[in-house]
N, C-alpha and C. Protein backbone atom coordinates (compact mmCIF):
# COMPACT_ATOMS: atom_id res chain seq x y z
N MET A 1 147.08 -58.25 118.67
CA MET A 1 145.91 -57.87 117.94
C MET A 1 145.97 -56.36 117.72
N PRO A 2 145.72 -55.91 116.53
CA PRO A 2 145.79 -54.48 116.25
C PRO A 2 144.61 -53.75 116.85
N ARG A 3 144.85 -52.54 117.27
CA ARG A 3 143.82 -51.70 117.88
C ARG A 3 143.08 -50.95 116.79
N ILE A 4 141.77 -50.98 116.87
CA ILE A 4 140.97 -50.31 115.85
C ILE A 4 140.53 -48.98 116.43
N GLU A 5 140.87 -47.92 115.76
CA GLU A 5 140.52 -46.58 116.19
C GLU A 5 139.27 -46.14 115.43
N PRO A 6 138.30 -45.64 116.12
CA PRO A 6 137.12 -45.15 115.41
C PRO A 6 137.46 -43.86 114.67
N GLY A 7 136.75 -43.63 113.65
CA GLY A 7 136.96 -42.42 112.87
C GLY A 7 136.32 -41.22 113.55
N LEU A 8 136.70 -40.02 113.12
CA LEU A 8 136.15 -38.81 113.71
C LEU A 8 134.74 -38.55 113.26
N SER A 9 134.28 -39.25 112.26
CA SER A 9 132.95 -39.00 111.72
C SER A 9 131.83 -39.52 112.61
N ASP A 10 132.11 -40.46 113.51
CA ASP A 10 131.01 -41.01 114.33
C ASP A 10 130.97 -40.35 115.72
N GLY A 11 131.50 -39.17 115.92
CA GLY A 11 131.37 -38.42 117.17
C GLY A 11 132.38 -38.78 118.20
N SER A 12 133.51 -39.31 117.83
CA SER A 12 134.53 -39.72 118.78
C SER A 12 135.67 -38.73 118.77
N LYS A 13 136.42 -38.73 119.86
CA LYS A 13 137.63 -37.92 119.93
C LYS A 13 138.73 -38.64 119.20
N PRO A 14 139.78 -37.95 118.85
CA PRO A 14 140.86 -38.61 118.13
C PRO A 14 141.55 -39.67 118.97
N GLY A 15 141.49 -39.66 120.28
CA GLY A 15 142.14 -40.65 121.11
C GLY A 15 141.37 -41.96 121.19
N GLY A 16 140.24 -42.06 120.59
CA GLY A 16 139.46 -43.28 120.59
C GLY A 16 138.42 -43.32 121.70
N ARG A 17 138.25 -42.23 122.42
CA ARG A 17 137.26 -42.22 123.50
C ARG A 17 136.08 -41.37 123.11
N GLU A 18 134.90 -41.84 123.43
CA GLU A 18 133.70 -41.08 123.13
C GLU A 18 133.52 -40.03 124.20
N ALA A 19 133.22 -38.85 123.85
CA ALA A 19 133.15 -37.75 124.81
C ALA A 19 131.81 -37.71 125.52
N VAL A 20 130.77 -37.46 124.88
CA VAL A 20 129.49 -37.18 125.51
C VAL A 20 128.67 -38.44 125.78
N PRO A 21 128.50 -39.36 124.86
CA PRO A 21 127.61 -40.48 125.12
C PRO A 21 128.08 -41.36 126.27
N GLU A 22 129.35 -41.63 126.42
CA GLU A 22 129.84 -42.50 127.50
C GLU A 22 129.67 -41.82 128.86
N ALA A 23 129.98 -40.55 128.96
CA ALA A 23 129.83 -39.82 130.22
C ALA A 23 128.37 -39.73 130.63
N ALA A 24 127.50 -39.51 129.64
CA ALA A 24 126.07 -39.42 129.93
C ALA A 24 125.55 -40.78 130.41
N ALA A 25 126.00 -41.84 129.76
CA ALA A 25 125.55 -43.18 130.16
C ALA A 25 126.05 -43.52 131.56
N LEU A 26 127.30 -43.20 131.83
CA LEU A 26 127.87 -43.44 133.15
C LEU A 26 127.14 -42.62 134.21
N GLY A 27 126.82 -41.39 133.88
CA GLY A 27 126.07 -40.54 134.81
C GLY A 27 124.69 -41.11 135.11
N ARG A 28 124.03 -41.60 134.03
CA ARG A 28 122.71 -42.21 134.22
C ARG A 28 122.80 -43.46 135.08
N VAL A 29 123.82 -44.29 134.86
CA VAL A 29 124.00 -45.52 135.64
C VAL A 29 124.26 -45.17 137.10
N LEU A 30 125.11 -44.18 137.33
CA LEU A 30 125.38 -43.76 138.71
C LEU A 30 124.13 -43.19 139.37
N THR A 31 123.37 -42.40 138.63
CA THR A 31 122.13 -41.83 139.18
C THR A 31 121.14 -42.94 139.52
N HIS A 32 120.98 -43.87 138.59
CA HIS A 32 120.07 -44.99 138.84
C HIS A 32 120.58 -45.86 140.00
N GLY A 33 121.88 -46.04 140.08
CA GLY A 33 122.45 -46.82 141.18
C GLY A 33 122.20 -46.14 142.53
N ARG A 34 122.38 -44.81 142.58
CA ARG A 34 122.09 -44.08 143.82
C ARG A 34 120.62 -44.18 144.19
N GLU A 35 119.76 -44.01 143.17
CA GLU A 35 118.31 -44.10 143.43
C GLU A 35 117.94 -45.50 143.91
N LEU A 36 118.53 -46.51 143.27
CA LEU A 36 118.26 -47.89 143.68
C LEU A 36 118.75 -48.12 145.11
N GLY A 37 119.94 -47.64 145.42
CA GLY A 37 120.47 -47.77 146.78
C GLY A 37 119.60 -47.06 147.79
N GLN A 38 119.13 -45.85 147.44
CA GLN A 38 118.26 -45.10 148.35
C GLN A 38 116.93 -45.82 148.53
N GLU A 39 116.37 -46.35 147.44
CA GLU A 39 115.12 -47.11 147.55
C GLU A 39 115.31 -48.36 148.39
N LEU A 40 116.45 -49.01 148.25
CA LEU A 40 116.75 -50.19 149.06
C LEU A 40 116.84 -49.81 150.54
N LEU A 41 117.52 -48.71 150.83
CA LEU A 41 117.61 -48.25 152.23
C LEU A 41 116.23 -47.88 152.77
N ASP A 42 115.42 -47.22 151.95
CA ASP A 42 114.06 -46.87 152.38
C ASP A 42 113.24 -48.12 152.64
N TRP A 43 113.38 -49.12 151.77
CA TRP A 43 112.64 -50.38 151.93
C TRP A 43 113.06 -51.08 153.22
N VAL A 44 114.37 -51.14 153.49
CA VAL A 44 114.87 -51.77 154.73
C VAL A 44 114.35 -51.01 155.94
N ASP A 45 114.35 -49.67 155.85
CA ASP A 45 113.86 -48.86 156.95
C ASP A 45 112.38 -49.12 157.21
N LEU A 46 111.60 -49.22 156.14
CA LEU A 46 110.17 -49.52 156.29
C LEU A 46 109.94 -50.91 156.88
N LYS A 47 110.76 -51.88 156.44
CA LYS A 47 110.62 -53.23 157.00
C LYS A 47 110.95 -53.23 158.50
N LEU A 48 112.00 -52.50 158.88
CA LEU A 48 112.36 -52.40 160.30
C LEU A 48 111.24 -51.72 161.10
N GLN A 49 110.66 -50.67 160.55
CA GLN A 49 109.57 -49.99 161.23
C GLN A 49 108.36 -50.92 161.37
N ALA A 50 108.07 -51.69 160.33
CA ALA A 50 106.93 -52.61 160.40
C ALA A 50 107.16 -53.68 161.46
N GLU A 51 108.38 -54.24 161.51
CA GLU A 51 108.69 -55.26 162.53
C GLU A 51 108.66 -54.65 163.93
N ARG A 52 109.15 -53.42 164.06
CA ARG A 52 109.12 -52.74 165.36
C ARG A 52 107.68 -52.52 165.82
N MET A 53 106.81 -52.15 164.87
CA MET A 53 105.40 -51.94 165.22
C MET A 53 104.73 -53.25 165.61
N LYS A 54 105.05 -54.35 164.89
CA LYS A 54 104.49 -55.66 165.25
C LYS A 54 104.94 -56.08 166.64
N LEU A 55 106.22 -55.88 166.93
CA LEU A 55 106.76 -56.23 168.23
C LEU A 55 106.14 -55.39 169.33
N GLN A 56 105.94 -54.09 169.05
CA GLN A 56 105.33 -53.21 170.04
C GLN A 56 103.88 -53.61 170.30
N GLU A 57 103.15 -53.98 169.26
CA GLU A 57 101.77 -54.44 169.44
C GLU A 57 101.72 -55.72 170.26
N LEU A 58 102.62 -56.66 169.97
CA LEU A 58 102.67 -57.91 170.73
C LEU A 58 103.01 -57.64 172.19
N LEU A 59 103.97 -56.75 172.42
CA LEU A 59 104.34 -56.39 173.79
C LEU A 59 103.19 -55.73 174.52
N ASN A 60 102.47 -54.84 173.84
CA ASN A 60 101.32 -54.20 174.47
C ASN A 60 100.23 -55.21 174.81
N GLU A 61 100.01 -56.18 173.92
CA GLU A 61 99.01 -57.22 174.21
C GLU A 61 99.42 -58.02 175.45
N LYS A 62 100.69 -58.40 175.53
CA LYS A 62 101.16 -59.19 176.67
C LYS A 62 101.09 -58.37 177.96
N LEU A 63 101.45 -57.09 177.90
CA LEU A 63 101.37 -56.24 179.09
C LEU A 63 99.93 -56.04 179.54
N ASN A 64 99.02 -55.87 178.59
CA ASN A 64 97.61 -55.72 178.95
C ASN A 64 97.08 -57.01 179.58
N LEU A 65 97.48 -58.15 179.03
CA LEU A 65 97.07 -59.43 179.60
C LEU A 65 97.62 -59.59 181.01
N ALA A 66 98.89 -59.23 181.20
CA ALA A 66 99.49 -59.34 182.53
C ALA A 66 98.80 -58.41 183.52
N ALA A 67 98.45 -57.21 183.08
CA ALA A 67 97.73 -56.28 183.97
C ALA A 67 96.35 -56.83 184.33
N ASP A 68 95.66 -57.42 183.36
CA ASP A 68 94.35 -58.00 183.64
C ASP A 68 94.46 -59.16 184.63
N VAL A 69 95.46 -60.02 184.44
CA VAL A 69 95.65 -61.17 185.34
C VAL A 69 96.02 -60.68 186.74
N ALA A 70 96.88 -59.66 186.83
CA ALA A 70 97.27 -59.13 188.13
C ALA A 70 96.07 -58.52 188.85
N LEU A 71 95.23 -57.82 188.12
CA LEU A 71 94.03 -57.24 188.73
C LEU A 71 93.10 -58.35 189.22
N ALA A 72 92.91 -59.38 188.41
CA ALA A 72 92.04 -60.48 188.81
C ALA A 72 92.59 -61.20 190.04
N ILE A 73 93.90 -61.44 190.07
CA ILE A 73 94.51 -62.12 191.21
C ILE A 73 94.42 -61.24 192.45
N GLY A 74 94.63 -59.94 192.28
CA GLY A 74 94.53 -59.02 193.42
C GLY A 74 93.12 -59.00 194.00
N LEU A 75 92.12 -58.91 193.14
CA LEU A 75 90.73 -58.90 193.63
C LEU A 75 90.37 -60.23 194.28
N ALA A 76 90.83 -61.33 193.69
CA ALA A 76 90.56 -62.64 194.29
C ALA A 76 91.28 -62.75 195.64
N GLY A 77 92.49 -62.22 195.74
CA GLY A 77 93.21 -62.25 197.01
C GLY A 77 92.49 -61.48 198.10
N VAL A 78 91.96 -60.31 197.76
CA VAL A 78 91.20 -59.53 198.74
C VAL A 78 89.94 -60.29 199.15
N GLY A 79 89.29 -60.92 198.19
CA GLY A 79 88.10 -61.71 198.51
C GLY A 79 88.43 -62.88 199.42
N ILE A 80 89.51 -63.58 199.12
CA ILE A 80 89.92 -64.72 199.96
C ILE A 80 90.27 -64.24 201.36
N PHE A 81 90.93 -63.08 201.45
CA PHE A 81 91.29 -62.52 202.76
C PHE A 81 90.03 -62.28 203.61
N PHE A 82 89.01 -61.66 203.00
CA PHE A 82 87.79 -61.39 203.75
C PHE A 82 87.05 -62.68 204.12
N VAL A 83 87.07 -63.67 203.25
CA VAL A 83 86.44 -64.95 203.57
C VAL A 83 87.16 -65.60 204.75
N LEU A 84 88.50 -65.54 204.76
CA LEU A 84 89.26 -66.13 205.85
C LEU A 84 89.02 -65.38 207.17
N VAL A 85 88.94 -64.06 207.10
CA VAL A 85 88.63 -63.29 208.32
C VAL A 85 87.24 -63.65 208.83
N ALA A 86 86.29 -63.77 207.92
CA ALA A 86 84.94 -64.15 208.33
C ALA A 86 84.93 -65.55 208.93
N ALA A 87 85.69 -66.47 208.32
CA ALA A 87 85.75 -67.84 208.85
C ALA A 87 86.40 -67.83 210.24
N ALA A 88 87.46 -67.04 210.41
CA ALA A 88 88.13 -66.97 211.71
C ALA A 88 87.19 -66.37 212.76
N LEU A 89 86.47 -65.33 212.40
CA LEU A 89 85.53 -64.73 213.36
C LEU A 89 84.39 -65.69 213.68
N GLY A 90 83.92 -66.42 212.65
CA GLY A 90 82.85 -67.39 212.90
C GLY A 90 83.32 -68.52 213.81
N LEU A 91 84.52 -69.06 213.54
CA LEU A 91 85.06 -70.11 214.41
C LEU A 91 85.31 -69.58 215.82
N GLY A 92 85.79 -68.33 215.89
CA GLY A 92 86.04 -67.73 217.20
C GLY A 92 84.76 -67.56 218.00
N THR A 93 83.69 -67.16 217.34
CA THR A 93 82.41 -67.03 218.03
C THR A 93 81.92 -68.40 218.49
N TRP A 94 82.09 -69.40 217.66
CA TRP A 94 81.66 -70.75 218.01
C TRP A 94 82.50 -71.31 219.16
N LEU A 95 83.82 -70.99 219.17
CA LEU A 95 84.71 -71.49 220.22
C LEU A 95 84.70 -70.61 221.47
N GLY A 96 84.09 -69.44 221.42
CA GLY A 96 83.96 -68.61 222.61
C GLY A 96 84.80 -67.35 222.59
N HIS A 97 85.80 -67.23 221.74
CA HIS A 97 86.61 -66.02 221.67
C HIS A 97 87.19 -65.90 220.26
N PRO A 98 87.18 -64.68 219.67
CA PRO A 98 87.68 -64.53 218.29
C PRO A 98 89.13 -64.98 218.11
N ALA A 99 89.95 -64.86 219.14
CA ALA A 99 91.36 -65.24 219.02
C ALA A 99 91.50 -66.73 218.70
N TRP A 100 90.61 -67.57 219.27
CA TRP A 100 90.68 -69.01 218.98
C TRP A 100 90.41 -69.29 217.51
N GLY A 101 89.51 -68.54 216.91
CA GLY A 101 89.22 -68.73 215.48
C GLY A 101 90.42 -68.35 214.62
N PHE A 102 91.05 -67.20 214.94
CA PHE A 102 92.23 -66.80 214.17
C PHE A 102 93.38 -67.78 214.37
N LEU A 103 93.52 -68.28 215.60
CA LEU A 103 94.57 -69.26 215.86
C LEU A 103 94.32 -70.53 215.05
N LEU A 104 93.09 -71.00 215.00
CA LEU A 104 92.77 -72.21 214.26
C LEU A 104 93.00 -72.02 212.76
N VAL A 105 92.58 -70.89 212.21
CA VAL A 105 92.80 -70.63 210.78
C VAL A 105 94.30 -70.54 210.50
N GLY A 106 95.06 -69.89 211.36
CA GLY A 106 96.51 -69.80 211.20
C GLY A 106 97.17 -71.16 211.25
N LEU A 107 96.74 -72.02 212.16
CA LEU A 107 97.31 -73.37 212.25
C LEU A 107 96.98 -74.20 211.02
N VAL A 108 95.78 -74.02 210.47
CA VAL A 108 95.42 -74.73 209.24
C VAL A 108 96.35 -74.30 208.11
N PHE A 109 96.62 -72.99 208.00
CA PHE A 109 97.53 -72.52 206.95
C PHE A 109 98.94 -73.02 207.18
N LEU A 110 99.40 -73.06 208.42
CA LEU A 110 100.73 -73.61 208.70
C LEU A 110 100.80 -75.08 208.31
N ALA A 111 99.76 -75.85 208.60
CA ALA A 111 99.75 -77.27 208.25
C ALA A 111 99.76 -77.47 206.73
N VAL A 112 98.95 -76.68 206.03
CA VAL A 112 98.92 -76.79 204.56
C VAL A 112 100.27 -76.39 203.97
N GLY A 113 100.88 -75.32 204.49
CA GLY A 113 102.20 -74.91 204.00
C GLY A 113 103.26 -75.95 204.28
N ALA A 114 103.24 -76.56 205.45
CA ALA A 114 104.22 -77.60 205.78
C ALA A 114 104.03 -78.83 204.89
N ALA A 115 102.78 -79.22 204.66
CA ALA A 115 102.52 -80.37 203.78
C ALA A 115 102.98 -80.06 202.35
N PHE A 116 102.74 -78.86 201.89
CA PHE A 116 103.18 -78.47 200.55
C PHE A 116 104.70 -78.52 200.46
N TYR A 117 105.37 -78.02 201.48
CA TYR A 117 106.83 -78.02 201.51
C TYR A 117 107.38 -79.44 201.52
N LEU A 118 106.76 -80.33 202.28
CA LEU A 118 107.26 -81.69 202.40
C LEU A 118 106.95 -82.55 201.17
N LEU A 119 105.86 -82.26 200.48
CA LEU A 119 105.43 -83.11 199.38
C LEU A 119 105.78 -82.58 198.00
N HIS A 120 106.12 -81.33 197.88
CA HIS A 120 106.38 -80.75 196.56
C HIS A 120 107.75 -81.22 196.06
N PRO A 121 107.81 -81.75 194.82
CA PRO A 121 109.08 -82.31 194.34
C PRO A 121 110.19 -81.27 194.14
N THR A 122 109.84 -80.06 193.75
CA THR A 122 110.87 -79.04 193.56
C THR A 122 111.46 -78.60 194.88
N LEU A 123 110.64 -78.51 195.90
CA LEU A 123 111.12 -78.07 197.20
C LEU A 123 111.94 -79.15 197.90
N LYS A 124 111.82 -80.39 197.45
CA LYS A 124 112.65 -81.45 198.04
C LYS A 124 114.12 -81.20 197.76
N ASP A 125 114.43 -80.53 196.65
CA ASP A 125 115.82 -80.21 196.34
C ASP A 125 116.43 -79.30 197.39
N LEU A 126 115.61 -78.48 198.03
CA LEU A 126 116.13 -77.57 199.06
C LEU A 126 116.53 -78.34 200.32
N ARG A 127 115.90 -79.50 200.53
CA ARG A 127 116.21 -80.28 201.73
C ARG A 127 117.33 -81.28 201.49
N ARG A 128 117.81 -81.39 200.25
CA ARG A 128 118.86 -82.35 199.92
C ARG A 128 120.14 -81.98 200.67
N PRO A 129 120.86 -82.96 201.16
CA PRO A 129 122.10 -82.64 201.87
C PRO A 129 123.13 -82.02 200.95
N ALA A 130 124.13 -81.45 201.54
CA ALA A 130 125.17 -80.78 200.77
C ALA A 130 125.85 -81.76 199.82
N LEU A 131 126.37 -81.25 198.71
CA LEU A 131 127.02 -82.11 197.73
C LEU A 131 128.33 -82.69 198.25
N VAL A 132 129.01 -81.97 199.11
CA VAL A 132 130.28 -82.44 199.66
C VAL A 132 130.05 -82.81 201.11
N ASP A 133 130.21 -84.08 201.40
CA ASP A 133 130.07 -84.55 202.77
C ASP A 133 131.40 -84.35 203.47
N GLU A 134 131.39 -83.58 204.52
CA GLU A 134 132.64 -83.26 205.20
C GLU A 134 133.31 -84.51 205.78
N ALA A 135 132.52 -85.51 206.17
CA ALA A 135 133.12 -86.73 206.72
C ALA A 135 133.91 -87.47 205.64
N ARG A 136 133.50 -87.37 204.38
CA ARG A 136 134.22 -88.06 203.30
C ARG A 136 135.56 -87.39 202.99
N LEU A 137 135.76 -86.21 203.48
CA LEU A 137 137.03 -85.53 203.24
C LEU A 137 138.14 -86.08 204.11
N SER A 138 137.78 -86.88 205.11
CA SER A 138 138.78 -87.46 206.00
C SER A 138 139.63 -88.47 205.23
N PRO A 139 140.92 -88.52 205.46
CA PRO A 139 141.75 -89.51 204.75
C PRO A 139 141.45 -90.94 205.18
N ASP A 140 140.80 -91.14 206.34
CA ASP A 140 140.49 -92.49 206.81
C ASP A 140 139.18 -93.02 206.24
N ALA A 141 138.44 -92.18 205.51
CA ALA A 141 137.13 -92.59 205.02
C ALA A 141 137.28 -93.59 203.89
N PRO A 142 136.61 -94.76 203.98
CA PRO A 142 136.66 -95.72 202.88
C PRO A 142 135.84 -95.20 201.70
N GLN A 143 136.28 -95.51 200.49
CA GLN A 143 135.59 -95.06 199.30
C GLN A 143 134.37 -95.92 199.04
N GLY A 144 133.28 -95.28 198.63
CA GLY A 144 132.08 -96.02 198.27
C GLY A 144 131.10 -96.19 199.40
N ARG A 145 131.49 -95.93 200.64
CA ARG A 145 130.58 -96.06 201.77
C ARG A 145 130.67 -94.79 202.59
N PRO A 146 129.59 -94.45 203.27
CA PRO A 146 129.69 -93.27 204.14
C PRO A 146 130.64 -93.54 205.29
N TYR A 147 131.35 -92.55 205.66
CA TYR A 147 132.34 -92.69 206.73
C TYR A 147 131.69 -92.40 208.07
N LEU A 148 131.78 -93.35 208.95
CA LEU A 148 131.32 -93.15 210.32
C LEU A 148 132.55 -93.14 211.22
N PRO A 149 132.79 -92.06 211.89
CA PRO A 149 133.98 -92.02 212.73
C PRO A 149 133.85 -93.02 213.87
N PRO A 150 134.96 -93.55 214.32
CA PRO A 150 134.91 -94.51 215.43
C PRO A 150 134.44 -93.80 216.70
N PRO A 151 133.86 -94.58 217.61
CA PRO A 151 133.39 -93.96 218.86
C PRO A 151 134.56 -93.33 219.60
N ALA A 152 134.25 -92.26 220.25
CA ALA A 152 135.30 -91.53 220.98
C ALA A 152 135.73 -92.34 222.19
N GLU A 153 136.98 -92.78 222.19
CA GLU A 153 137.51 -93.57 223.30
C GLU A 153 137.94 -92.67 224.45
N GLU A 154 138.25 -91.45 224.15
CA GLU A 154 138.71 -90.55 225.18
C GLU A 154 137.62 -90.24 226.19
N GLU A 155 136.36 -90.13 225.70
CA GLU A 155 135.26 -89.82 226.60
C GLU A 155 135.02 -91.00 227.57
N SER A 156 135.07 -92.25 227.02
CA SER A 156 134.83 -93.41 227.88
C SER A 156 135.95 -93.58 228.89
N ASP A 157 137.19 -93.26 228.49
CA ASP A 157 138.33 -93.37 229.42
C ASP A 157 138.25 -92.31 230.49
N ALA A 158 137.74 -91.15 230.15
CA ALA A 158 137.66 -90.05 231.12
C ALA A 158 136.61 -90.34 232.19
N LYS A 159 135.52 -91.03 231.81
CA LYS A 159 134.46 -91.33 232.77
C LYS A 159 134.87 -92.44 233.72
N SER A 160 135.78 -93.32 233.33
CA SER A 160 136.17 -94.46 234.15
C SER A 160 137.03 -94.08 235.30
């Protein structure tokens, strides 16, 4: 296909390239592209700042709630402590000596703690036997049944 060269009358150079209008257009495109890129970066930065502020507000709300709950639990704990001391002193006076009241309150707490330990399903996992039974490691142990070692014959022979 033959190449068509523009004439010199329409503002072109003899080599077929436009001097001023193409460079100006390219400059404008580059300027607009830079501005668009900068605006995009600014927009992303603002979005990140907004999300950071939302996260910080949520974190502050959760921390304030945790502080309020901790204060309430602490005050309730102090109140329970004084009620228990009063109950122990009252029982001690009724039984004849304050030490008996404190002993009785302590025993009640031990009983409640032991019952909680024995009945709580999560704590039952702590009482589960080891996963590897050392008796099953014996080569004489039958598979599928717990291995009970035979009675010691040496002890019975020694006593005879």
